[in-house]
Every structure is written in C-alpha cells, then in structure tokens.
Amino acid sequence: MTDSTVDNKGFIVGIYENEEFTPLGQQLNEKTGGHLLKSIKLSDTKGKVGDNLVLYDVTPEVSRVAIVGLGKKETTTTTYEKNENTRKAIGSGVKALKSKNATHLTIDSSIGDAKQTAEGAFLSNFKFDFKTGTSGKNANSTNDSIQVQLSPAASSDSCFKEGKILAESQNFARVLMETPANLLTPTNFVDHVKTQLKELIDAGKVEMIVREEQWVKDQKMGMFWGVAKGSDEPLKFLELHYRGASADGKDSIVYVGKGITFDSGGISIKPSANMGLMKGDMGGAATAVSAMYGVASLGLKVNLITITPLCENMPSGKATKPGDILTAANGKTVEVDNTDAEGRLILGDALHYACSFKPTHIIDIATLTGAIDVALGQHYAGCFTTTDSLWDQLNECGNISGERLWRMPLIAEYRKQMETSKVADLINSAGRSGGACCAAGFLKEFITADQSWSHLDIAGVMSSSEDGPYIRKGMTGKPTRTLIEFAKKNQK
C-alpha cells in the first residue's frame, strides 16, 4: 500500500474504563502484540468519555488510530447518556484525526448506534470562518471533507444516513447563525434557504412562499412592522410547506422561528460588549428552516409548516420608540416599554397567523430572553407548554437528541405582569422578575385557547463558550435535531 492511499486514513476504536477494547480495537491490539493497550497504560488516557489517544503507523494498513474513551461499561444508562456518550466519543476521535490530516475514517461500529455515530462525526467536523488559506477560499460547513465508514458494516445503513442528515441540518443552522449580519440580511437569509432547499423545492417536496412588506401591512401585523420599520433592510416573512402525510396539508405541525437577523436593541440600545453575538438572534428561524430541511430530506410522513418573520431591530428616525403603541394582528394593543423586547412582538403576530392553519401543534423557537440564560445557562433550553402531553413528547425528543429541555412555568400570575400599561392591553416588558416566564405569557396572548402550543426559549443554548467533544465553541444550531425528532414522532 502506497503512502498516497495511507496518508489520509484513520481508524477510531473504543476503550472502556476497565481497559476493554471494542472488537476492532481488540483485533488491532492482538495484531500488534498488545501495542494499543501498552500505549494506553503509558498515557494519561483512562477510558473516560471524551478521552482520546492517537497512535501512528500501527500496522502497514493502519496509519493512524484514535482510541476514544467510552466510560464505564454499563447496561443501565439512560437514553440521553447512551446517545451522548457515543456522540462525544466519536466527535473527539474525528477531531483528533482531522487535526492529523486524516479524512477517510473507519469507525468501530460497536462504539455506539449508527445514527449517533454519524451525528458525532459530522457535527464535530463543522467549521466556519472567513480566514483565507492556501486555497484562497472562505471556509464554512465542511461535511463533505471527511468520508466515514463503519466496521463491521451495519446490516442497514439507513440509521447512519439519518444521523448524517440530522447533522447536516444542524450544521446549516450553525452556518446561518455564524454568518455576520452584513452578509445575512433578511433577503440573504431567504436566499440561503432557497439554495439549501433547492432540490427539495424543485422536486415539489417543499413549497416556499416569501411575503413582503405590503402583505405584512395587509395582515395588520402592527407589532412585526413596528420592529422592522427601524431598519433600511426590507423585512421578509418566509413560509415553507412540506406535505409528507397528505396533499391537502391538513393537521400540520407549525414551527415558528424568531428571525431577528441583527438585534441592536433598537432605541433601547444594547451595551456594546458582546453585541456582535446578536448576529445569532435569528437562531429560532435558523433552526426552524433547518428542521424543515431535515424532515423533507428524510421524507417523513408528516405535514410541516415553518413560519419565520425576518427583520433587523435597529435604531433610526423611523424606529419604534419606548412609549409607542402598536396594534397586533389579533387586535390587541401593546405599549412598547423596551424596544429590546422585540422578539415577542414579531412572534406574536406570527403565532396569530400560525393559528389560522388549525395545526395539531405549534412550537415557536426563539432566542427570546437573557433571563433564561441566567436561569438555565448553556445546558438546557427553557420549555413552556400548554399541555403535559406536549411537554412529555418534547422532553423525550430532547433526551434522544441530547438537546435537553427544562419545563418552565406558564401561569396566569406571570401574565398579570404584562397588564401594567395604563393605555394598552399589554406592555412588552415587565422588568427583571420572572422575565422568561412573562415573555412566554405575552406570547400566549396570541394563541387560540384550545391550541396545543409550546415556546422554546433558546437564548442560553444559542452559543457555546467551550469547545466540546462534538459541538465546537460558537453557535450551536440547537435545537434543530429535537425539532426533527418531534416531527418524526408525530408521523401519520
């Protein structure tokens, strides 16, 4: 075997904390007279999840091996732990081998299920920057820069393909969220989605409808327009339809994503520190359209609609001012106390529109409040639901995907804090106390009484400040895979 065929190859095998290898690792260890185990003993790798050790020139056929830790060999781990351990182990191995120029990877299929193996591999392979390299090209998501096969091959590769599509979907959300606001205006957002979904749209699997300013005014979406009019960039109201269960599109699920492509705070301008992160304030819209890509690519037997109101929140002579009164599409009046509480305004009008489809469920996704970040940090998204059954489904899907949710209270007492205006039905900001809960109560005002609805506040999980085994530091694209799992669970 020549160097040209060996140089880009790498193998990933697993080891438990009791120094037991997965089968492919055991074979290589025996073939090399115990070299793998000797190397483990000489290193600081103890088999804990996330550990990895790269060995070189192991055999004439195997140029690189990443030995990844699998933790303790237990049979009673939870779904979340089992799936996460696989993603973390695979992710750490892929990153280690990629850093050593290995791009053709063979993974011991005994490390974990094929679906989670693919997720760990392709999520960890994500890269996005604008640094110029020897190619002179800007980098972004790099799913295609690695080739992955399982050994021994799985009896069916459908699970692996599903995991790869799930990862590709989340990586698309990450691309959208990482792209700076000067390159991702509402118009650019629509163009990116059109490009990503082109094959699905051309094949008639997804219908794409782009609404403009006049349509928003005709729908009397005074809250959405009140936010959008402060920017010179034109708003967009993007609507996607996938009819995988029936041609009439009835009994659809609707995902509504907050699409503020940059949030300066408006007249109530934000502090300058870390304001650049607000390029990701369209994370709800990004995950919604990316979930649509995944659902349609998988051909799930479900009807799905995604609705994403897209605009910037900017200060200008045209911008809404604190104290202004806006009239929502459902006729309610809102006093704007804080223009930086804009997400609930654009979502309120979008939720009212979503109810017109009489869907089975509405789930909105939004980087809505700093309060949820204070409450839950970067490890859980806040979940507000109108029914226990909807919470149970979302919680299960979050545990499968590893994108955990925490149920937050949705009670009338928080809604009362939004009734303090002397001149309008509602006020858009009720101060610090219970901020995330009050925001959810505000949104509930635009949902019909009998509608199954959930609000996911993803502000805390929007970005990661640490470089994890399979999710790098930066925008996360969460909870794209949870939304796809939910659609999968609700197939007809």
Protein backbone atom coordinates (compact mmCIF):
# COMPACT_ATOMS: atom_id res chain seq x y z
CA MET A 1 0.00 0.00 0.00
CA THR A 2 1.48 3.35 -1.04
CA ASP A 3 1.72 6.46 1.08
CA SER A 4 -0.82 8.24 -1.13
CA THR A 5 -3.51 5.79 -0.05
CA VAL A 6 -2.43 5.60 3.59
CA ASP A 7 -1.80 9.24 4.40
CA ASN A 8 -5.44 10.30 4.70
CA LYS A 9 -6.74 7.22 6.54
CA GLY A 10 -7.66 6.94 10.19
CA PHE A 11 -9.38 4.43 12.44
CA ILE A 12 -11.48 5.11 15.54
CA VAL A 13 -11.77 2.37 18.17
CA GLY A 14 -13.13 2.49 21.68
CA ILE A 15 -11.90 1.53 25.12
CA TYR A 16 -13.84 1.32 28.38
CA GLU A 17 -12.51 2.38 31.76
CA ASN A 18 -11.78 -1.28 32.58
CA GLU A 19 -9.32 -1.33 29.64
CA GLU A 20 -11.63 -3.44 27.47
CA PHE A 21 -11.48 -2.55 23.78
CA THR A 22 -14.31 -2.60 21.29
CA PRO A 23 -13.92 -5.51 18.79
CA LEU A 24 -11.97 -3.62 16.10
CA GLY A 25 -9.68 -2.23 18.77
CA GLN A 26 -9.17 -5.70 20.23
CA GLN A 27 -8.25 -7.04 16.80
CA LEU A 28 -5.67 -4.30 16.27
CA ASN A 29 -4.31 -4.77 19.78
CA GLU A 30 -3.82 -8.51 19.22
CA LYS A 31 -2.35 -7.97 15.76
CA THR A 32 0.27 -5.61 17.20
CA GLY A 33 1.18 -7.76 20.18
CA GLY A 34 -0.65 -5.58 22.69
CA HIS A 35 0.75 -2.27 21.42
CA LEU A 36 -2.57 -0.41 21.84
CA LEU A 37 -3.03 -1.45 25.46
CA LYS A 38 0.63 -0.72 26.29
CA SER A 39 0.22 2.77 24.83
CA ILE A 40 -2.91 3.35 26.90
CA LYS A 41 -1.12 2.33 30.08
CA LEU A 42 1.77 4.68 29.31
CA SER A 43 -0.53 7.63 28.58
CA ASP A 44 -2.92 9.64 30.72
CA THR A 45 -5.91 8.23 28.81
CA LYS A 46 -8.11 6.34 31.25
CA GLY A 47 -11.06 5.49 29.06
CA LYS A 48 -13.29 8.30 30.32
CA VAL A 49 -15.79 9.70 27.84
CA GLY A 50 -14.03 12.35 25.76
CA ASP A 51 -10.53 10.88 26.25
CA ASN A 52 -8.58 10.10 23.10
CA LEU A 53 -5.12 8.93 22.16
CA VAL A 54 -3.78 8.94 18.59
CA LEU A 55 -1.24 6.27 17.58
CA TYR A 56 0.70 6.23 14.31
CA ASP A 57 1.90 3.53 11.90
CA VAL A 58 0.11 0.84 13.91
CA THR A 59 0.19 -1.70 11.07
CA PRO A 60 1.15 -1.44 7.38
CA GLU A 61 -2.55 -0.95 6.60
CA VAL A 62 -3.43 1.31 9.54
CA SER A 63 -1.56 4.61 9.54
CA ARG A 64 -3.46 6.28 12.40
CA VAL A 65 -5.69 5.06 15.21
CA ALA A 66 -7.65 7.22 17.61
CA ILE A 67 -8.50 5.30 20.78
CA VAL A 68 -11.52 7.03 22.35
CA GLY A 69 -12.83 6.65 25.87
CA LEU A 70 -16.28 5.13 26.36
CA GLY A 71 -16.58 5.45 30.13
CA LYS A 72 -17.74 2.63 32.34
CA LYS A 73 -19.29 -0.36 30.59
CA GLU A 74 -22.82 -0.15 31.92
CA THR A 75 -26.06 -1.65 30.66
CA THR A 76 -28.43 0.68 32.54
CA THR A 77 -27.51 4.12 31.21
CA THR A 78 -30.33 6.47 30.20
CA THR A 79 -31.17 7.20 26.57
CA TYR A 80 -29.58 10.64 26.95
CA GLU A 81 -26.34 9.27 28.43
CA LYS A 82 -26.07 6.42 25.94
CA ASN A 83 -26.57 8.66 22.93
CA GLU A 84 -24.38 11.46 24.25
CA ASN A 85 -21.54 9.12 25.13
CA THR A 86 -21.50 7.87 21.55
CA ARG A 87 -21.54 11.40 20.07
CA LYS A 88 -18.82 12.60 22.45
CA ALA A 89 -16.56 9.60 21.81
CA ILE A 90 -16.93 9.79 18.03
CA GLY A 91 -16.62 13.57 18.00
CA SER A 92 -13.39 13.54 19.99
CA GLY A 93 -11.94 10.87 17.70
CA VAL A 94 -12.90 12.68 14.49
CA LYS A 95 -11.47 15.98 15.71
CA ALA A 96 -8.23 14.28 16.79
CA LEU A 97 -7.76 12.52 13.46
CA LYS A 98 -8.79 15.55 11.38
CA SER A 99 -6.06 17.54 13.17
CA LYS A 100 -3.61 14.89 11.91
CA ASN A 101 -4.84 15.21 8.29
CA ALA A 102 -6.92 12.03 8.27
CA THR A 103 -10.08 12.43 6.19
CA HIS A 104 -11.03 8.82 5.30
CA LEU A 105 -12.23 7.41 8.60
CA THR A 106 -13.17 3.89 9.62
CA ILE A 107 -15.14 3.74 12.86
CA ASP A 108 -15.66 0.66 15.02
CA SER A 109 -19.43 0.22 14.76
CA SER A 110 -19.52 -1.30 18.25
CA ILE A 111 -18.82 2.09 19.81
CA GLY A 112 -22.50 3.04 19.53
CA ASP A 113 -25.59 3.18 17.37
CA ALA A 114 -25.03 4.20 13.75
CA LYS A 115 -27.33 7.24 13.98
CA GLN A 116 -25.48 8.82 16.90
CA THR A 117 -22.15 7.82 15.35
CA ALA A 118 -22.99 9.84 12.23
CA GLU A 119 -24.22 12.78 14.31
CA GLY A 120 -21.00 12.84 16.35
CA ALA A 121 -18.82 12.55 13.26
CA PHE A 122 -20.43 15.22 11.11
CA LEU A 123 -21.31 17.69 13.86
CA SER A 124 -17.72 17.63 15.12
CA ASN A 125 -16.45 18.17 11.58
CA PHE A 126 -18.18 21.56 11.31
CA LYS A 127 -16.01 24.60 10.71
CA PHE A 128 -16.94 28.15 9.82
CA ASP A 129 -14.68 31.16 9.36
CA PHE A 130 -13.58 33.74 6.82
CA LYS A 131 -9.86 33.20 7.12
CA THR A 132 -8.05 32.97 3.81
CA GLY A 133 -5.93 29.86 3.38
CA THR A 134 -3.79 28.45 0.63
CA SER A 135 -6.92 27.79 -1.40
CA GLY A 136 -7.90 31.44 -1.19
CA LYS A 137 -11.44 30.39 -0.31
CA ASN A 138 -13.51 31.14 2.75
CA ALA A 139 -14.36 28.13 4.84
CA ASN A 140 -17.72 27.13 6.15
CA SER A 141 -19.52 23.86 6.97
CA THR A 142 -17.27 21.02 5.86
CA ASN A 143 -19.43 17.90 5.97
CA ASP A 144 -18.02 16.65 2.70
CA SER A 145 -14.37 16.99 3.74
CA ILE A 146 -14.47 13.63 5.54
CA GLN A 147 -15.57 10.19 4.43
CA VAL A 148 -16.82 7.82 7.09
CA GLN A 149 -17.46 4.08 7.05
CA LEU A 150 -18.36 1.66 9.82
CA SER A 151 -16.53 -1.58 10.54
CA PRO A 152 -18.01 -4.07 10.60
CA ALA A 153 -20.58 -2.55 8.28
CA ALA A 154 -24.06 -2.22 9.75
CA SER A 155 -26.73 -4.54 8.40
CA SER A 156 -28.58 -1.44 7.21
CA ASP A 157 -27.04 1.97 6.63
CA SER A 158 -30.39 3.81 6.94
CA CYS A 159 -29.67 4.82 10.54
CA PHE A 160 -26.27 6.19 9.58
CA LYS A 161 -27.81 8.16 6.69
CA GLU A 162 -30.47 9.53 9.04
CA GLY A 163 -27.82 10.69 11.50
CA LYS A 164 -25.86 12.35 8.70
CA ILE A 165 -28.95 14.27 7.55
CA LEU A 166 -29.67 15.34 11.14
CA ALA A 167 -26.11 16.63 11.47
CA GLU A 168 -26.24 18.38 8.09
CA SER A 169 -29.47 20.07 9.14
CA GLN A 170 -27.98 21.36 12.38
CA ASN A 171 -24.83 22.45 10.59
CA PHE A 172 -26.95 24.50 8.19
CA ALA A 173 -28.48 26.26 11.19
CA ARG A 174 -24.97 26.88 12.50
CA VAL A 175 -23.90 28.40 9.17
CA LEU A 176 -26.86 30.78 9.26
CA MET A 177 -26.21 31.73 12.88
CA GLU A 178 -22.47 32.23 12.38
CA THR A 179 -22.81 34.36 9.26
CA PRO A 180 -22.32 38.04 10.19
CA ALA A 181 -25.30 40.32 9.88
CA ASN A 182 -23.87 42.31 6.97
CA LEU A 183 -23.92 39.07 4.97
CA LEU A 184 -27.18 37.71 6.37
CA THR A 185 -29.88 40.32 5.98
CA PRO A 186 -33.48 39.07 5.78
CA THR A 187 -33.09 38.94 1.99
CA ASN A 188 -29.84 36.97 2.26
CA PHE A 189 -31.47 34.59 4.75
CA VAL A 190 -34.17 33.77 2.23
CA ASP A 191 -31.56 33.25 -0.49
CA HIS A 192 -29.56 30.85 1.73
CA VAL A 193 -32.69 28.81 2.46
CA LYS A 194 -33.62 28.73 -1.23
CA THR A 195 -30.16 27.41 -2.08
CA GLN A 196 -30.09 24.80 0.69
CA LEU A 197 -33.57 23.50 -0.14
CA LYS A 198 -33.27 23.88 -3.93
CA GLU A 199 -33.51 20.18 -4.76
CA LEU A 200 -36.46 19.72 -2.41
CA ILE A 201 -38.23 22.78 -3.84
CA ASP A 202 -37.53 21.80 -7.46
CA ALA A 203 -38.83 18.28 -6.77
CA GLY A 204 -42.07 19.71 -5.39
CA LYS A 205 -41.44 18.36 -1.90
CA VAL A 206 -41.24 21.79 -0.27
CA GLU A 207 -43.21 24.89 -1.19
CA MET A 208 -41.52 28.21 -0.48
CA ILE A 209 -43.54 31.43 -0.08
CA VAL A 210 -41.81 34.76 0.53
CA ARG A 211 -44.01 37.61 1.80
CA GLU A 212 -43.07 41.27 1.53
CA GLU A 213 -43.84 44.46 3.47
CA GLN A 214 -47.24 45.14 1.90
CA TRP A 215 -48.51 41.67 2.80
CA VAL A 216 -47.45 42.23 6.42
CA LYS A 217 -49.37 45.52 6.46
CA ASP A 218 -52.40 43.87 4.83
CA GLN A 219 -52.36 41.24 7.58
CA LYS A 220 -52.33 44.12 10.11
CA MET A 221 -49.18 42.75 11.75
CA GLY A 222 -48.52 46.00 13.56
CA MET A 223 -46.04 44.50 16.02
CA PHE A 224 -43.86 42.93 13.34
CA TRP A 225 -43.94 46.10 11.27
CA GLY A 226 -43.20 48.18 14.36
CA VAL A 227 -39.89 46.35 14.80
CA ALA A 228 -38.96 46.06 11.12
CA LYS A 229 -39.53 49.70 10.13
CA GLY A 230 -36.48 50.91 12.05
CA SER A 231 -34.10 49.28 9.56
CA ASP A 232 -33.26 50.15 5.97
CA GLU A 233 -33.17 46.41 5.20
CA PRO A 234 -36.56 45.19 3.94
CA LEU A 235 -38.38 42.62 6.04
CA LYS A 236 -39.26 39.15 4.81
CA PHE A 237 -41.93 36.77 6.03
CA LEU A 238 -40.77 33.31 4.96
CA GLU A 239 -43.21 30.41 4.83
CA LEU A 240 -42.29 26.81 3.96
CA HIS A 241 -44.74 23.94 3.48
CA TYR A 242 -43.97 20.22 3.43
CA ARG A 243 -46.87 17.83 2.82
CA GLY A 244 -45.44 14.42 3.65
CA ALA A 245 -48.61 12.98 5.15
CA SER A 246 -51.34 14.31 2.84
CA ALA A 247 -51.58 16.52 -0.22
CA ASP A 248 -54.09 18.82 1.46
CA GLY A 249 -51.60 19.72 4.19
CA LYS A 250 -54.19 19.34 6.93
CA ASP A 251 -53.27 18.53 10.52
CA SER A 252 -49.89 20.15 10.12
CA ILE A 253 -47.31 20.90 12.77
CA VAL A 254 -46.16 24.52 12.64
CA TYR A 255 -42.71 25.70 13.70
CA VAL A 256 -42.45 29.48 14.20
CA GLY A 257 -38.90 30.84 14.41
CA LYS A 258 -37.80 34.27 15.60
CA GLY A 259 -35.82 35.84 12.76
CA ILE A 260 -34.09 38.97 14.02
CA THR A 261 -31.05 38.91 11.74
CA PHE A 262 -29.37 41.50 13.95
CA ASP A 263 -30.55 42.88 17.26
CA SER A 264 -29.04 46.21 18.30
CA GLY A 265 -31.81 46.65 20.86
CA GLY A 266 -33.36 49.43 18.78
CA ILE A 267 -33.80 52.78 20.56
CA SER A 268 -33.26 50.88 23.85
CA ILE A 269 -29.83 50.07 22.52
CA LYS A 270 -27.78 47.23 23.98
CA PRO A 271 -24.36 47.66 25.62
CA SER A 272 -21.58 47.33 23.06
CA ALA A 273 -19.89 44.41 24.87
CA ASN A 274 -20.71 41.16 23.05
CA MET A 275 -23.30 42.84 20.83
CA GLY A 276 -21.71 41.01 17.91
CA LEU A 277 -23.28 37.79 19.18
CA MET A 278 -26.63 39.25 18.19
CA LYS A 279 -25.97 38.06 14.65
CA GLY A 280 -27.35 34.82 16.13
CA ASP A 281 -30.64 36.36 17.26
CA MET A 282 -32.26 34.65 14.28
CA GLY A 283 -31.40 31.26 15.81
CA GLY A 284 -35.07 30.34 16.12
CA ALA A 285 -35.64 30.95 12.41
CA ALA A 286 -32.40 29.13 11.55
CA THR A 287 -33.37 26.01 13.49
CA ALA A 288 -36.92 26.04 12.12
CA VAL A 289 -35.90 26.14 8.44
CA SER A 290 -33.08 23.65 9.09
CA ALA A 291 -35.56 21.28 10.72
CA MET A 292 -37.69 21.62 7.59
CA TYR A 293 -34.67 20.62 5.50
CA GLY A 294 -34.12 17.54 7.66
CA VAL A 295 -37.78 16.48 7.75
CA ALA A 296 -38.19 16.83 3.99
CA SER A 297 -34.84 15.16 3.24
CA LEU A 298 -35.84 12.18 5.39
CA GLY A 299 -39.24 12.03 3.69
CA LEU A 300 -41.11 11.83 6.99
CA LYS A 301 -44.85 11.15 6.82
CA VAL A 302 -45.91 14.38 8.44
CA ASN A 303 -47.24 17.74 7.32
CA LEU A 304 -45.00 20.59 8.46
CA ILE A 305 -45.14 24.36 8.06
CA THR A 306 -42.37 26.72 9.10
CA ILE A 307 -43.03 30.42 9.58
CA THR A 308 -40.14 32.83 10.07
CA PRO A 309 -40.66 36.60 10.35
CA LEU A 310 -37.33 38.15 9.36
CA CYS A 311 -36.10 41.67 10.05
CA GLU A 312 -33.44 43.71 11.84
CA ASN A 313 -34.01 45.61 15.10
CA MET A 314 -32.22 48.91 14.54
CA PRO A 315 -32.31 52.46 15.94
CA SER A 316 -33.18 55.18 13.46
CA GLY A 317 -35.50 58.09 12.89
CA LYS A 318 -38.09 55.57 11.70
CA ALA A 319 -37.73 53.17 14.63
CA THR A 320 -40.41 52.45 17.21
CA LYS A 321 -39.79 54.41 20.42
CA PRO A 322 -40.40 53.48 24.05
CA GLY A 323 -43.95 54.51 24.90
CA ASP A 324 -45.29 53.85 21.39
CA ILE A 325 -48.48 51.83 21.00
CA LEU A 326 -48.64 49.01 18.43
CA THR A 327 -51.72 47.09 17.34
CA ALA A 328 -51.23 43.36 16.84
CA ALA A 329 -52.81 41.28 14.09
CA ASN A 330 -55.34 39.90 16.60
CA GLY A 331 -56.41 43.44 17.52
CA LYS A 332 -54.71 43.74 20.90
CA THR A 333 -52.81 46.89 21.68
CA VAL A 334 -49.26 46.79 23.08
CA GLU A 335 -47.29 49.55 24.75
CA VAL A 336 -43.61 49.29 23.90
CA ASP A 337 -41.77 49.83 27.18
CA ASN A 338 -38.45 48.46 25.87
CA THR A 339 -37.60 48.19 22.18
CA ASP A 340 -35.08 45.45 23.05
CA ALA A 341 -38.02 43.18 23.89
CA GLU A 342 -38.71 42.92 20.17
CA GLY A 343 -38.72 39.17 19.67
CA ARG A 344 -42.06 38.67 21.38
CA LEU A 345 -43.54 41.38 19.14
CA ILE A 346 -42.66 39.75 15.83
CA LEU A 347 -43.51 36.30 17.20
CA GLY A 348 -46.91 37.41 18.49
CA ASP A 349 -48.10 38.34 15.01
CA ALA A 350 -46.54 35.20 13.51
CA LEU A 351 -48.21 32.98 16.12
CA HIS A 352 -51.59 34.54 15.41
CA TYR A 353 -51.06 33.75 11.73
CA ALA A 354 -49.91 30.20 12.56
CA CYS A 355 -53.18 29.52 14.37
CA SER A 356 -55.07 30.15 11.10
CA PHE A 357 -53.80 26.80 9.78
CA LYS A 358 -55.56 24.97 12.65
CA PRO A 359 -52.44 22.86 13.27
CA THR A 360 -52.10 19.89 15.58
CA HIS A 361 -49.20 21.63 17.37
CA ILE A 362 -47.45 24.98 17.24
CA ILE A 363 -43.88 25.22 18.51
CA ASP A 364 -42.11 28.55 18.48
CA ILE A 365 -38.34 28.74 18.85
CA ALA A 366 -36.68 31.96 19.90
CA THR A 367 -33.55 33.45 21.43
CA LEU A 368 -36.02 35.43 23.49
CA THR A 369 -34.67 36.40 26.91
CA GLY A 370 -31.42 36.83 28.77
CA ALA A 371 -33.41 35.68 31.79
CA ILE A 372 -33.50 32.09 30.54
CA ASP A 373 -29.71 32.13 30.23
CA VAL A 374 -29.45 33.31 33.85
CA ALA A 375 -31.85 30.56 34.95
CA LEU A 376 -30.57 27.58 32.93
CA GLY A 377 -27.22 28.53 31.40
CA GLN A 378 -25.93 26.81 28.26
CA HIS A 379 -27.09 23.26 29.01
CA TYR A 380 -30.90 23.43 28.88
CA ALA A 381 -33.37 25.35 26.75
CA GLY A 382 -36.47 26.62 28.51
CA CYS A 383 -39.73 24.95 27.50
CA PHE A 384 -43.16 26.44 28.15
CA THR A 385 -46.13 24.28 27.15
CA THR A 386 -49.90 24.38 27.35
CA THR A 387 -50.26 20.60 27.82
CA ASP A 388 -48.46 17.89 29.75
CA SER A 389 -48.58 15.56 26.75
CA LEU A 390 -46.74 18.05 24.53
CA TRP A 391 -44.09 18.52 27.22
CA ASP A 392 -43.66 14.75 27.52
CA GLN A 393 -43.06 14.44 23.78
CA LEU A 394 -40.63 17.34 23.60
CA ASN A 395 -38.73 16.16 26.66
CA GLU A 396 -38.35 12.69 25.16
CA CYS A 397 -37.15 14.15 21.85
CA GLY A 398 -34.65 16.37 23.65
CA ASN A 399 -33.22 13.39 25.51
CA ILE A 400 -32.87 11.44 22.26
CA SER A 401 -31.09 14.33 20.53
CA GLY A 402 -29.00 15.38 23.52
CA GLU A 403 -30.54 18.88 23.35
CA ARG A 404 -32.12 18.90 26.78
CA LEU A 405 -35.16 20.97 27.73
CA TRP A 406 -36.35 22.14 31.13
CA ARG A 407 -40.02 22.84 31.74
CA MET A 408 -40.74 26.35 32.96
CA PRO A 409 -43.99 27.66 34.50
CA LEU A 410 -46.68 29.11 32.26
CA ILE A 411 -49.24 30.52 34.68
CA ALA A 412 -51.64 33.45 34.76
CA GLU A 413 -49.73 35.24 37.53
CA TYR A 414 -46.86 36.00 35.15
CA ARG A 415 -49.29 37.24 32.53
CA LYS A 416 -50.56 39.84 35.01
CA GLN A 417 -47.16 41.49 34.97
CA MET A 418 -47.80 42.29 31.30
CA GLU A 419 -51.05 44.16 32.15
CA THR A 420 -49.44 47.15 33.85
CA SER A 421 -49.88 49.56 30.93
CA LYS A 422 -52.34 52.40 31.60
CA VAL A 423 -53.03 52.92 27.90
CA ALA A 424 -52.82 49.49 26.19
CA ASP A 425 -53.94 45.90 26.67
CA LEU A 426 -50.38 44.69 27.23
CA ILE A 427 -46.90 46.01 27.85
CA ASN A 428 -44.00 44.33 26.07
CA SER A 429 -41.60 44.25 29.01
CA ALA A 430 -42.32 43.60 32.67
CA GLY A 431 -38.88 44.08 34.17
CA ARG A 432 -36.37 41.55 35.51
CA SER A 433 -38.58 39.47 37.79
CA GLY A 434 -39.57 36.24 36.02
CA GLY A 435 -38.52 37.71 32.69
CA ALA A 436 -38.60 34.49 30.65
CA CYS A 437 -41.93 33.45 32.16
CA CYS A 438 -43.51 36.86 31.50
CA ALA A 439 -42.31 36.75 27.89
CA ALA A 440 -43.93 33.33 27.45
CA GLY A 441 -47.13 34.69 28.99
CA PHE A 442 -47.06 37.54 26.48
CA LEU A 443 -46.78 35.09 23.57
CA LYS A 444 -49.67 33.02 24.89
CA GLU A 445 -51.94 36.04 24.28
CA PHE A 446 -51.66 35.35 20.55
CA ILE A 447 -52.52 31.63 20.72
CA THR A 448 -56.11 30.42 20.46
CA ALA A 449 -57.47 28.94 23.67
CA ASP A 450 -57.55 25.29 22.61
CA GLN A 451 -54.28 25.25 20.66
CA SER A 452 -51.52 22.80 21.60
CA TRP A 453 -48.53 25.14 21.83
CA SER A 454 -45.01 25.24 23.16
CA HIS A 455 -42.50 28.06 23.39
CA LEU A 456 -38.81 27.15 23.40
CA ASP A 457 -36.57 29.92 24.74
CA ILE A 458 -33.13 29.04 23.34
CA ALA A 459 -31.21 32.18 24.31
CA GLY A 460 -28.99 30.23 26.72
CA VAL A 461 -28.12 27.45 24.27
CA MET A 462 -27.69 29.75 21.25
CA SER A 463 -23.92 29.60 21.56
CA SER A 464 -21.34 27.59 23.45
CA SER A 465 -18.44 29.23 25.24
CA GLU A 466 -16.49 25.97 25.44
CA ASP A 467 -15.09 23.61 22.83
CA GLY A 468 -17.00 20.38 23.45
CA PRO A 469 -16.28 16.91 22.04
CA TYR A 470 -18.70 17.29 19.14
CA ILE A 471 -20.07 20.85 19.35
CA ARG A 472 -17.31 23.42 18.93
CA LYS A 473 -17.19 26.80 20.59
CA GLY A 474 -19.59 29.13 18.80
CA MET A 475 -23.17 28.98 17.55
CA THR A 476 -24.74 25.60 18.28
CA GLY A 477 -27.71 25.24 15.93
CA LYS A 478 -29.77 23.84 18.80
CA PRO A 479 -32.48 22.52 18.93
CA THR A 480 -32.65 21.55 15.23
CA ARG A 481 -32.40 17.80 15.82
CA THR A 482 -35.03 17.93 18.58
CA LEU A 483 -37.48 19.55 16.15
CA ILE A 484 -36.79 16.84 13.58
CA GLU A 485 -37.25 14.13 16.22
CA PHE A 486 -40.58 15.70 17.20
CA ALA A 487 -41.79 15.62 13.60
CA LYS A 488 -40.62 12.02 13.31
CA LYS A 489 -42.53 11.11 16.47
CA ASN A 490 -45.73 12.66 15.07
CA GLN A 491 -45.77 10.88 11.71
CA LYS A 492 -49.14 9.76 10.43
